[in-house]
PDB file of all heavy atoms in Angstrom:
ATOM      1  N   SER A   1      -3.626   7.167 -21.008  1.00  0.00           N
ATOM      2  CA  SER A   1      -4.923   7.823 -21.179  1.00  0.00           C
ATOM      3  C   SER A   1      -5.990   7.280 -20.227  1.00  0.00           C
ATOM      4  O   SER A   1      -6.872   8.013 -19.808  1.00  0.00           O
ATOM      5  CB  SER A   1      -5.404   7.683 -22.626  1.00  0.00           C
ATOM      6  OG  SER A   1      -5.544   6.309 -22.951  1.00  0.00           O
ATOM      7  N   ASN A   2      -5.923   6.020 -19.865  1.00  0.00           N
ATOM      8  CA  ASN A   2      -6.914   5.418 -18.979  1.00  0.00           C
ATOM      9  C   ASN A   2      -6.258   4.256 -18.223  1.00  0.00           C
ATOM     10  O   ASN A   2      -6.538   3.100 -18.499  1.00  0.00           O
ATOM     11  CB  ASN A   2      -8.130   4.937 -19.783  1.00  0.00           C
ATOM     12  CG  ASN A   2      -9.250   4.479 -18.886  1.00  0.00           C
ATOM     13  OD1 ASN A   2      -9.310   4.842 -17.713  1.00  0.00           O
ATOM     14  ND2 ASN A   2     -10.130   3.672 -19.428  1.00  0.00           N
ATOM     15  N   PRO A   3      -5.400   4.588 -17.250  1.00  0.00           N
ATOM     16  CA  PRO A   3      -4.649   3.529 -16.575  1.00  0.00           C
ATOM     17  C   PRO A   3      -5.538   2.602 -15.758  1.00  0.00           C
ATOM     18  O   PRO A   3      -6.568   3.014 -15.232  1.00  0.00           O
ATOM     19  CB  PRO A   3      -3.686   4.299 -15.672  1.00  0.00           C
ATOM     20  CG  PRO A   3      -4.322   5.618 -15.462  1.00  0.00           C
ATOM     21  CD  PRO A   3      -5.109   5.900 -16.706  1.00  0.00           C
ATOM     22  N   LYS A   4      -5.128   1.351 -15.680  1.00  0.00           N
ATOM     23  CA  LYS A   4      -5.853   0.382 -14.870  1.00  0.00           C
ATOM     24  C   LYS A   4      -5.805   0.794 -13.403  1.00  0.00           C
ATOM     25  O   LYS A   4      -6.798   0.704 -12.690  1.00  0.00           O
ATOM     26  CB  LYS A   4      -5.258  -1.009 -15.069  1.00  0.00           C
ATOM     27  CG  LYS A   4      -6.023  -2.101 -14.380  1.00  0.00           C
ATOM     28  CD  LYS A   4      -5.549  -3.469 -14.804  1.00  0.00           C
ATOM     29  CE  LYS A   4      -6.443  -4.539 -14.190  1.00  0.00           C
ATOM     30  NZ  LYS A   4      -6.073  -5.870 -14.653  1.00  0.00           N
ATOM     31  N   TYR A   5      -4.629   1.235 -12.944  1.00  0.00           N
ATOM     32  CA  TYR A   5      -4.451   1.728 -11.578  1.00  0.00           C
ATOM     33  C   TYR A   5      -3.752   3.077 -11.626  1.00  0.00           C
ATOM     34  O   TYR A   5      -2.864   3.290 -12.437  1.00  0.00           O
ATOM     35  CB  TYR A   5      -3.621   0.751 -10.742  1.00  0.00           C
ATOM     36  CG  TYR A   5      -4.204  -0.632 -10.712  1.00  0.00           C
ATOM     37  CD1 TYR A   5      -3.590  -1.681 -11.383  1.00  0.00           C
ATOM     38  CD2 TYR A   5      -5.395  -0.894 -10.039  1.00  0.00           C
ATOM     39  CE1 TYR A   5      -4.133  -2.949 -11.371  1.00  0.00           C
ATOM     40  CE2 TYR A   5      -5.952  -2.155 -10.038  1.00  0.00           C
ATOM     41  CZ  TYR A   5      -5.318  -3.183 -10.699  1.00  0.00           C
ATOM     42  OH  TYR A   5      -5.866  -4.439 -10.697  1.00  0.00           O
ATOM     43  N   SER A   6      -4.156   3.964 -10.721  1.00  0.00           N
ATOM     44  CA  SER A   6      -3.548   5.293 -10.653  1.00  0.00           C
ATOM     45  C   SER A   6      -3.547   5.741  -9.196  1.00  0.00           C
ATOM     46  O   SER A   6      -3.985   5.014  -8.306  1.00  0.00           O
ATOM     47  CB  SER A   6      -4.343   6.286 -11.506  1.00  0.00           C
ATOM     48  OG  SER A   6      -5.597   6.566 -10.890  1.00  0.00           O
ATOM     49  N   ALA A   7      -3.103   6.967  -8.964  1.00  0.00           N
ATOM     50  CA  ALA A   7      -3.088   7.527  -7.613  1.00  0.00           C
ATOM     51  C   ALA A   7      -4.493   7.585  -7.017  1.00  0.00           C
ATOM     52  O   ALA A   7      -4.656   7.540  -5.804  1.00  0.00           O
ATOM     53  CB  ALA A   7      -2.465   8.917  -7.640  1.00  0.00           C
ATOM     54  N   LYS A   8      -5.498   7.653  -7.860  1.00  0.00           N
ATOM     55  CA  LYS A   8      -6.884   7.749  -7.387  1.00  0.00           C
ATOM     56  C   LYS A   8      -7.506   6.394  -7.039  1.00  0.00           C
ATOM     57  O   LYS A   8      -8.595   6.337  -6.485  1.00  0.00           O
ATOM     58  CB  LYS A   8      -7.741   8.437  -8.443  1.00  0.00           C
ATOM     59  CG  LYS A   8      -7.333   9.874  -8.680  1.00  0.00           C
ATOM     60  CD  LYS A   8      -8.153  10.491  -9.779  1.00  0.00           C
ATOM     61  CE  LYS A   8      -7.667  11.909 -10.053  1.00  0.00           C
ATOM     62  NZ  LYS A   8      -8.354  12.517 -11.179  1.00  0.00           N
ATOM     63  N   THR A   9      -6.820   5.305  -7.354  1.00  0.00           N
ATOM     64  CA  THR A   9      -7.350   3.968  -7.076  1.00  0.00           C
ATOM     65  C   THR A   9      -7.517   3.773  -5.577  1.00  0.00           C
ATOM     66  O   THR A   9      -6.559   3.922  -4.812  1.00  0.00           O
ATOM     67  CB  THR A   9      -6.421   2.877  -7.641  1.00  0.00           C
ATOM     68  OG1 THR A   9      -6.270   3.063  -9.047  1.00  0.00           O
ATOM     69  CG2 THR A   9      -6.975   1.482  -7.370  1.00  0.00           C
ATOM     70  N   LYS A  10      -8.730   3.455  -5.162  1.00  0.00           N
ATOM     71  CA  LYS A  10      -9.009   3.189  -3.755  1.00  0.00           C
ATOM     72  C   LYS A  10      -8.352   1.873  -3.359  1.00  0.00           C
ATOM     73  O   LYS A  10      -8.487   0.866  -4.054  1.00  0.00           O
ATOM     74  CB  LYS A  10     -10.517   3.116  -3.495  1.00  0.00           C
ATOM     75  CG  LYS A  10     -11.240   4.422  -3.754  1.00  0.00           C
ATOM     76  CD  LYS A  10     -10.835   5.456  -2.738  1.00  0.00           C
ATOM     77  CE  LYS A  10     -11.622   6.736  -2.919  1.00  0.00           C
ATOM     78  NZ  LYS A  10     -11.074   7.830  -2.131  1.00  0.00           N
ATOM     79  N   LEU A  11      -7.636   1.879  -2.261  1.00  0.00           N
ATOM     80  CA  LEU A  11      -6.915   0.688  -1.830  1.00  0.00           C
ATOM     81  C   LEU A  11      -7.856  -0.471  -1.518  1.00  0.00           C
ATOM     82  O   LEU A  11      -7.526  -1.624  -1.771  1.00  0.00           O
ATOM     83  CB  LEU A  11      -6.021   1.015  -0.641  1.00  0.00           C
ATOM     84  CG  LEU A  11      -4.841   1.936  -0.982  1.00  0.00           C
ATOM     85  CD1 LEU A  11      -4.127   2.382   0.280  1.00  0.00           C
ATOM     86  CD2 LEU A  11      -3.876   1.244  -1.920  1.00  0.00           C
ATOM     87  N   ALA A  12      -9.033  -0.176  -1.006  1.00  0.00           N
ATOM     88  CA  ALA A  12      -9.990  -1.243  -0.695  1.00  0.00           C
ATOM     89  C   ALA A  12     -10.408  -2.002  -1.952  1.00  0.00           C
ATOM     90  O   ALA A  12     -10.700  -3.201  -1.884  1.00  0.00           O
ATOM     91  CB  ALA A  12     -11.209  -0.668   0.010  1.00  0.00           C
ATOM     92  N   THR A  13     -10.388  -1.339  -3.115  1.00  0.00           N
ATOM     93  CA  THR A  13     -10.799  -2.015  -4.352  1.00  0.00           C
ATOM     94  C   THR A  13      -9.754  -3.016  -4.850  1.00  0.00           C
ATOM     95  O   THR A  13     -10.060  -3.837  -5.696  1.00  0.00           O
ATOM     96  CB  THR A  13     -11.109  -1.011  -5.486  1.00  0.00           C
ATOM     97  OG1 THR A  13      -9.914  -0.322  -5.856  1.00  0.00           O
ATOM     98  CG2 THR A  13     -12.194  -0.031  -5.082  1.00  0.00           C
ATOM     99  N   VAL A  14      -8.549  -2.930  -4.321  1.00  0.00           N
ATOM    100  CA  VAL A  14      -7.498  -3.890  -4.696  1.00  0.00           C
ATOM    101  C   VAL A  14      -7.187  -4.840  -3.534  1.00  0.00           C
ATOM    102  O   VAL A  14      -6.139  -5.478  -3.507  1.00  0.00           O
ATOM    103  CB  VAL A  14      -6.220  -3.188  -5.219  1.00  0.00           C
ATOM    104  CG1 VAL A  14      -6.495  -2.450  -6.512  1.00  0.00           C
ATOM    105  CG2 VAL A  14      -5.618  -2.272  -4.166  1.00  0.00           C
ATOM    106  N   GLY A  15      -8.098  -4.910  -2.585  1.00  0.00           N
ATOM    107  CA  GLY A  15      -7.951  -5.847  -1.475  1.00  0.00           C
ATOM    108  C   GLY A  15      -7.170  -5.326  -0.286  1.00  0.00           C
ATOM    109  O   GLY A  15      -6.790  -6.098   0.595  1.00  0.00           O
ATOM    110  N   LEU A  16      -6.901  -4.018  -0.256  1.00  0.00           N
ATOM    111  CA  LEU A  16      -6.125  -3.443   0.839  1.00  0.00           C
ATOM    112  C   LEU A  16      -7.020  -2.550   1.696  1.00  0.00           C
ATOM    113  O   LEU A  16      -6.862  -1.324   1.736  1.00  0.00           O
ATOM    114  CB  LEU A  16      -4.932  -2.658   0.294  1.00  0.00           C
ATOM    115  CG  LEU A  16      -3.943  -3.464  -0.545  1.00  0.00           C
ATOM    116  CD1 LEU A  16      -2.883  -2.561  -1.151  1.00  0.00           C
ATOM    117  CD2 LEU A  16      -3.303  -4.559   0.283  1.00  0.00           C
ATOM    118  N   ASN A  17      -7.964  -3.173   2.398  1.00  0.00           N
ATOM    119  CA  ASN A  17      -8.844  -2.386   3.264  1.00  0.00           C
ATOM    120  C   ASN A  17      -8.068  -1.931   4.506  1.00  0.00           C
ATOM    121  O   ASN A  17      -6.890  -2.254   4.668  1.00  0.00           O
ATOM    122  CB  ASN A  17     -10.097  -3.191   3.636  1.00  0.00           C
ATOM    123  CG  ASN A  17      -9.777  -4.447   4.402  1.00  0.00           C
ATOM    124  OD1 ASN A  17      -8.825  -4.504   5.179  1.00  0.00           O
ATOM    125  ND2 ASN A  17     -10.568  -5.488   4.183  1.00  0.00           N
ATOM    126  N   SER A  18      -8.722  -1.204   5.381  1.00  0.00           N
ATOM    127  CA  SER A  18      -8.021  -0.630   6.537  1.00  0.00           C
ATOM    128  C   SER A  18      -7.430  -1.708   7.447  1.00  0.00           C
ATOM    129  O   SER A  18      -6.382  -1.504   8.051  1.00  0.00           O
ATOM    130  CB  SER A  18      -8.948   0.287   7.329  1.00  0.00           C
ATOM    131  OG  SER A  18     -10.038  -0.436   7.861  1.00  0.00           O
ATOM    132  N   TYR A  19      -8.061  -2.856   7.543  1.00  0.00           N
ATOM    133  CA  TYR A  19      -7.531  -3.944   8.378  1.00  0.00           C
ATOM    134  C   TYR A  19      -6.228  -4.497   7.795  1.00  0.00           C
ATOM    135  O   TYR A  19      -5.285  -4.791   8.533  1.00  0.00           O
ATOM    136  CB  TYR A  19      -8.560  -5.070   8.520  1.00  0.00           C
ATOM    137  CG  TYR A  19      -9.848  -4.604   9.151  1.00  0.00           C
ATOM    138  CD1 TYR A  19     -11.001  -4.480   8.399  1.00  0.00           C
ATOM    139  CD2 TYR A  19      -9.899  -4.257  10.502  1.00  0.00           C
ATOM    140  CE1 TYR A  19     -12.185  -4.034   8.966  1.00  0.00           C
ATOM    141  CE2 TYR A  19     -11.077  -3.808  11.081  1.00  0.00           C
ATOM    142  CZ  TYR A  19     -12.213  -3.701  10.311  1.00  0.00           C
ATOM    143  OH  TYR A  19     -13.369  -3.254  10.876  1.00  0.00           O
ATOM    144  N   VAL A  20      -6.197  -4.648   6.496  1.00  0.00           N
ATOM    145  CA  VAL A  20      -4.975  -5.134   5.833  1.00  0.00           C
ATOM    146  C   VAL A  20      -3.878  -4.095   5.978  1.00  0.00           C
ATOM    147  O   VAL A  20      -2.728  -4.427   6.306  1.00  0.00           O
ATOM    148  CB  VAL A  20      -5.232  -5.460   4.342  1.00  0.00           C
ATOM    149  CG1 VAL A  20      -3.937  -5.830   3.628  1.00  0.00           C
ATOM    150  CG2 VAL A  20      -6.261  -6.572   4.197  1.00  0.00           C
ATOM    151  N   ARG A  21      -4.205  -2.829   5.745  1.00  0.00           N
ATOM    152  CA  ARG A  21      -3.193  -1.775   5.871  1.00  0.00           C
ATOM    153  C   ARG A  21      -2.634  -1.712   7.289  1.00  0.00           C
ATOM    154  O   ARG A  21      -1.436  -1.514   7.478  1.00  0.00           O
ATOM    155  CB  ARG A  21      -3.771  -0.427   5.435  1.00  0.00           C
ATOM    156  CG  ARG A  21      -4.097  -0.387   3.958  1.00  0.00           C
ATOM    157  CD  ARG A  21      -4.390   0.996   3.440  1.00  0.00           C
ATOM    158  NE  ARG A  21      -5.419   1.746   4.125  1.00  0.00           N
ATOM    159  CZ  ARG A  21      -6.720   1.682   3.851  1.00  0.00           C
ATOM    160  NH1 ARG A  21      -7.172   0.851   2.917  1.00  0.00           N
ATOM    161  NH2 ARG A  21      -7.575   2.441   4.502  1.00  0.00           N
ATOM    162  N   ARG A  22      -3.489  -1.921   8.270  1.00  0.00           N
ATOM    163  CA  ARG A  22      -3.018  -1.932   9.664  1.00  0.00           C
ATOM    164  C   ARG A  22      -2.030  -3.086   9.872  1.00  0.00           C
ATOM    165  O   ARG A  22      -1.019  -2.935  10.546  1.00  0.00           O
ATOM    166  CB  ARG A  22      -4.210  -2.058  10.604  1.00  0.00           C
ATOM    167  CG  ARG A  22      -3.821  -2.017  12.049  1.00  0.00           C
ATOM    168  CD  ARG A  22      -4.973  -2.035  12.994  1.00  0.00           C
ATOM    169  NE  ARG A  22      -6.191  -2.514  12.373  1.00  0.00           N
ATOM    170  CZ  ARG A  22      -7.352  -2.628  12.990  1.00  0.00           C
ATOM    171  NH1 ARG A  22      -7.450  -2.301  14.252  1.00  0.00           N
ATOM    172  NH2 ARG A  22      -8.413  -3.073  12.368  1.00  0.00           N
ATOM    173  N   ALA A  23      -2.320  -4.229   9.272  1.00  0.00           N
ATOM    174  CA  ALA A  23      -1.437  -5.399   9.398  1.00  0.00           C
ATOM    175  C   ALA A  23      -0.119  -5.212   8.654  1.00  0.00           C
ATOM    176  O   ALA A  23       0.850  -5.937   8.914  1.00  0.00           O
ATOM    177  CB  ALA A  23      -2.153  -6.640   8.890  1.00  0.00           C
ATOM    178  N   MET A  24      -0.060  -4.251   7.744  1.00  0.00           N
ATOM    179  CA  MET A  24       1.152  -3.986   6.962  1.00  0.00           C
ATOM    180  C   MET A  24       2.175  -3.145   7.719  1.00  0.00           C
ATOM    181  O   MET A  24       3.247  -2.856   7.196  1.00  0.00           O
ATOM    182  CB  MET A  24       0.779  -3.241   5.665  1.00  0.00           C
ATOM    183  CG  MET A  24       0.014  -4.055   4.664  1.00  0.00           C
ATOM    184  SD  MET A  24      -0.626  -3.062   3.279  1.00  0.00           S
ATOM    185  CE  MET A  24       0.844  -2.245   2.666  1.00  0.00           C
ATOM    186  N   LEU A  25       1.882  -2.751   8.947  1.00  0.00           N
ATOM    187  CA  LEU A  25       2.724  -1.817   9.683  1.00  0.00           C
ATOM    188  C   LEU A  25       4.189  -2.238   9.737  1.00  0.00           C
ATOM    189  O   LEU A  25       5.070  -1.497   9.297  1.00  0.00           O
ATOM    190  CB  LEU A  25       2.184  -1.611  11.104  1.00  0.00           C
ATOM    191  CG  LEU A  25       3.018  -0.697  11.996  1.00  0.00           C
ATOM    192  CD1 LEU A  25       2.980   0.733  11.463  1.00  0.00           C
ATOM    193  CD2 LEU A  25       2.526  -0.753  13.419  1.00  0.00           C
ATOM    194  N   ASN A  26       4.474  -3.409  10.271  1.00  0.00           N
ATOM    195  CA  ASN A  26       5.872  -3.834  10.425  1.00  0.00           C
ATOM    196  C   ASN A  26       6.563  -3.991   9.076  1.00  0.00           C
ATOM    197  O   ASN A  26       7.707  -3.561   8.906  1.00  0.00           O
ATOM    198  CB  ASN A  26       5.955  -5.135  11.220  1.00  0.00           C
ATOM    199  CG  ASN A  26       5.592  -4.921  12.676  1.00  0.00           C
ATOM    200  OD1 ASN A  26       5.678  -3.823  13.192  1.00  0.00           O
ATOM    201  ND2 ASN A  26       5.167  -5.988  13.331  1.00  0.00           N
ATOM    202  N   ALA A  27       5.879  -4.591   8.128  1.00  0.00           N
ATOM    203  CA  ALA A  27       6.484  -4.788   6.807  1.00  0.00           C
ATOM    204  C   ALA A  27       6.762  -3.462   6.113  1.00  0.00           C
ATOM    205  O   ALA A  27       7.796  -3.305   5.459  1.00  0.00           O
ATOM    206  CB  ALA A  27       5.576  -5.649   5.941  1.00  0.00           C
ATOM    207  N   THR A  28       5.840  -2.524   6.254  1.00  0.00           N
ATOM    208  CA  THR A  28       6.046  -1.203   5.642  1.00  0.00           C
ATOM    209  C   THR A  28       7.273  -0.535   6.241  1.00  0.00           C
ATOM    210  O   THR A  28       8.160  -0.064   5.515  1.00  0.00           O
ATOM    211  CB  THR A  28       4.805  -0.313   5.841  1.00  0.00           C
ATOM    212  OG1 THR A  28       3.688  -0.932   5.196  1.00  0.00           O
ATOM    213  CG2 THR A  28       5.025   1.077   5.259  1.00  0.00           C
ATOM    214  N   ASN A  29       7.345  -0.505   7.563  1.00  0.00           N
ATOM    215  CA  ASN A  29       8.491   0.132   8.210  1.00  0.00           C
ATOM    216  C   ASN A  29       9.792  -0.596   7.888  1.00  0.00           C
ATOM    217  O   ASN A  29      10.804   0.046   7.598  1.00  0.00           O
ATOM    218  CB  ASN A  29       8.270   0.217   9.722  1.00  0.00           C
ATOM    219  CG  ASN A  29       7.335   1.352  10.087  1.00  0.00           C
ATOM    220  OD1 ASN A  29       7.412   2.442   9.536  1.00  0.00           O
ATOM    221  ND2 ASN A  29       6.431   1.094  11.007  1.00  0.00           N
ATOM    222  N   ASP A  30       9.784  -1.921   7.906  1.00  0.00           N
ATOM    223  CA  ASP A  30      10.998  -2.692   7.608  1.00  0.00           C
ATOM    224  C   ASP A  30      11.459  -2.487   6.167  1.00  0.00           C
ATOM    225  O   ASP A  30      12.644  -2.286   5.897  1.00  0.00           O
ATOM    226  CB  ASP A  30      10.774  -4.182   7.865  1.00  0.00           C
ATOM    227  CG  ASP A  30      10.616  -4.516   9.336  1.00  0.00           C
ATOM    228  OD1 ASP A  30      10.895  -3.646  10.196  1.00  0.00           O
ATOM    229  OD2 ASP A  30      10.181  -5.659   9.631  1.00  0.00           O
ATOM    230  N   THR A  31      10.508  -2.543   5.233  1.00  0.00           N
ATOM    231  CA  THR A  31      10.835  -2.390   3.810  1.00  0.00           C
ATOM    232  C   THR A  31      11.397  -1.008   3.516  1.00  0.00           C
ATOM    233  O   THR A  31      12.422  -0.867   2.849  1.00  0.00           O
ATOM    234  CB  THR A  31       9.585  -2.640   2.943  1.00  0.00           C
ATOM    235  OG1 THR A  31       9.137  -3.981   3.169  1.00  0.00           O
ATOM    236  CG2 THR A  31       9.874  -2.430   1.473  1.00  0.00           C
ATOM    237  N   MET A  32      10.730   0.004   4.014  1.00  0.00           N
ATOM    238  CA  MET A  32      11.176   1.376   3.738  1.00  0.00           C
ATOM    239  C   MET A  32      12.478   1.703   4.467  1.00  0.00           C
ATOM    240  O   MET A  32      13.335   2.399   3.930  1.00  0.00           O
ATOM    241  CB  MET A  32      10.077   2.372   4.095  1.00  0.00           C
ATOM    242  CG  MET A  32       8.859   2.248   3.209  1.00  0.00           C
ATOM    243  SD  MET A  32       9.298   2.448   1.457  1.00  0.00           S
ATOM    244  CE  MET A  32       7.702   2.394   0.701  1.00  0.00           C
ATOM    245  N   GLN A  33      12.649   1.164   5.668  1.00  0.00           N
ATOM    246  CA  GLN A  33      13.907   1.366   6.403  1.00  0.00           C
ATOM    247  C   GLN A  33      15.070   0.737   5.641  1.00  0.00           C
ATOM    248  O   GLN A  33      16.142   1.328   5.515  1.00  0.00           O
ATOM    249  CB  GLN A  33      13.804   0.745   7.797  1.00  0.00           C
ATOM    250  CG  GLN A  33      15.071   0.861   8.606  1.00  0.00           C
ATOM    251  CD  GLN A  33      15.340   2.263   9.074  1.00  0.00           C
ATOM    252  OE1 GLN A  33      14.442   2.915   9.585  1.00  0.00           O
ATOM    253  NE2 GLN A  33      16.549   2.744   8.900  1.00  0.00           N
ATOM    254  N   ALA A  34      14.841  -0.453   5.096  1.00  0.00           N
ATOM    255  CA  ALA A  34      15.896  -1.141   4.344  1.00  0.00           C
ATOM    256  C   ALA A  34      16.272  -0.364   3.081  1.00  0.00           C
ATOM    257  O   ALA A  34      17.446  -0.317   2.711  1.00  0.00           O
ATOM    258  CB  ALA A  34      15.442  -2.554   3.976  1.00  0.00           C
ATOM    259  N   GLN A  35      15.299   0.244   2.434  1.00  0.00           N
ATOM    260  CA  GLN A  35      15.580   0.944   1.183  1.00  0.00           C
ATOM    261  C   GLN A  35      16.051   2.377   1.374  1.00  0.00           C
ATOM    262  O   GLN A  35      16.868   2.869   0.612  1.00  0.00           O
ATOM    263  CB  GLN A  35      14.335   0.936   0.293  1.00  0.00           C
ATOM    264  CG  GLN A  35      14.034  -0.436  -0.246  1.00  0.00           C
ATOM    265  CD  GLN A  35      12.920  -0.417  -1.265  1.00  0.00           C
ATOM    266  OE1 GLN A  35      12.754   0.549  -1.999  1.00  0.00           O
ATOM    267  NE2 GLN A  35      12.159  -1.486  -1.318  1.00  0.00           N
ATOM    268  N   PHE A  36      15.504   3.056   2.396  1.00  0.00           N
ATOM    269  CA  PHE A  36      15.789   4.489   2.535  1.00  0.00           C
ATOM    270  C   PHE A  36      16.607   4.826   3.779  1.00  0.00           C
ATOM    271  O   PHE A  36      16.798   5.996   4.097  1.00  0.00           O
ATOM    272  CB  PHE A  36      14.486   5.284   2.463  1.00  0.00           C
ATOM    273  CG  PHE A  36      13.826   5.126   1.121  1.00  0.00           C
ATOM    274  CD1 PHE A  36      12.810   4.193   0.941  1.00  0.00           C
ATOM    275  CD2 PHE A  36      14.271   5.829   0.026  1.00  0.00           C
ATOM    276  CE1 PHE A  36      12.231   4.006  -0.304  1.00  0.00           C
ATOM    277  CE2 PHE A  36      13.702   5.650  -1.224  1.00  0.00           C
ATOM    278  CZ  PHE A  36      12.686   4.729  -1.385  1.00  0.00           C
ATOM    279  N   LYS A  37      17.072   3.787   4.457  1.00  0.00           N
ATOM    280  CA  LYS A  37      18.015   3.889   5.582  1.00  0.00           C
ATOM    281  C   LYS A  37      17.603   4.948   6.606  1.00  0.00           C
ATOM    282  O   LYS A  37      16.480   4.977   7.046  1.00  0.00           O
ATOM    283  CB  LYS A  37      19.440   4.154   5.078  1.00  0.00           C
ATOM    284  CG  LYS A  37      19.896   3.248   3.975  1.00  0.00           C
ATOM    285  CD  LYS A  37      20.124   1.845   4.460  1.00  0.00           C
ATOM    286  CE  LYS A  37      20.686   1.006   3.318  1.00  0.00           C
ATOM    287  NZ  LYS A  37      20.090  -0.282   3.233  1.00  0.00           N
TER     288      LYS A  37
END
């Protein structure tokens, strides 16, 4: 009824601003490649 986090949660409010997301590039690609081949 009132989730703490949802699809509407702004990433910056959880510490994932655009600079952090940019730094996540390699890890995102590596993680998803490992899981989804």
